[in-house]
C-alpha cells in the first residue's frame, strides 16, 4: 500500500497585511531623520568647548 503524500502548508500562512494602518501612521521622510542627526552631532561638536568651561569637565 502506497503512503499518502502530505501537502505542505501555504507559504502565506500566518501572514497579516497591515497596509491600511501604514497610511494612518505618522510618516517622516528619511532626509529629516538624517538632517536631524547631523544637526545634533554638529551642535554637540561646536558646544563642547563651552560645556567644558561651564561645568569644568
Protein backbone atom coordinates (compact mmCIF):
# COMPACT_ATOMS: atom_id res chain seq x y z
CA UNK A 1 0.00 0.00 0.00
CA UNK A 2 1.41 3.38 -1.02
CA UNK A 3 1.82 6.12 1.55
CA UNK A 4 -0.27 9.21 1.09
CA UNK A 5 1.66 12.40 0.44
CA UNK A 6 1.10 15.19 2.88
CA UNK A 7 0.91 18.68 1.46
CA UNK A 8 2.97 21.48 2.91
CA UNK A 9 1.24 24.49 4.39
CA UNK A 10 0.72 27.51 2.21
CA UNK A 11 3.65 29.89 2.02
CA UNK A 12 1.50 32.81 3.15
CA UNK A 13 0.04 31.05 6.15
CA UNK A 14 0.05 33.26 9.23
CA UNK A 15 0.98 36.47 7.44
CA UNK A 16 -1.13 39.52 8.12
CA UNK A 17 -1.39 42.55 5.88
CA UNK A 18 -1.20 45.96 7.55
CA UNK A 19 -1.36 48.25 4.53
CA UNK A 20 -4.35 50.22 5.86
CA UNK A 21 -2.64 51.02 9.16
CA UNK A 22 0.58 52.08 7.45
CA UNK A 23 -1.03 55.10 5.79
CA UNK A 24 -2.66 56.26 9.01
CA UNK A 25 0.58 56.47 10.99
CA UNK A 26 2.96 59.39 11.23
CA UNK A 27 5.34 59.43 8.29
CA UNK A 28 8.72 61.16 8.45
CA UNK A 29 10.95 61.47 5.43
CA UNK A 30 14.38 59.83 5.79
CA UNK A 31 16.00 63.15 4.86
CA UNK A 32 14.57 64.74 8.01
CA UNK A 33 15.98 61.93 10.17
CA UNK A 34 19.45 62.24 8.66
CA UNK A 35 19.34 66.04 8.84
CA UNK A 36 18.32 65.99 12.49
CA UNK A 37 21.12 63.58 13.36
CA UNK A 38 23.69 65.72 11.54
CA UNK A 39 22.36 68.83 13.30
CA UNK A 40 22.66 67.20 16.73
CA UNK A 41 26.20 65.97 16.04
CA UNK A 42 27.38 69.36 14.74
CA UNK A 43 25.71 71.24 17.60
CA UNK A 44 27.30 68.99 20.20
CA UNK A 45 30.68 69.33 18.46
CA UNK A 46 30.57 73.15 18.50
CA UNK A 47 29.14 73.43 22.02
CA UNK A 48 31.69 71.06 23.55
CA UNK A 49 34.29 73.74 24.50
CA UNK A 50 31.61 75.90 26.15
CA UNK A 51 30.21 73.00 28.16
CA UNK A 52 33.72 72.15 29.40
CA UNK A 53 34.30 75.69 30.66
CA UNK A 54 30.87 75.99 32.28
CA UNK A 55 30.81 72.63 34.06
CA UNK A 56 34.55 72.19 34.50
CA UNK A 57 34.59 68.79 32.84
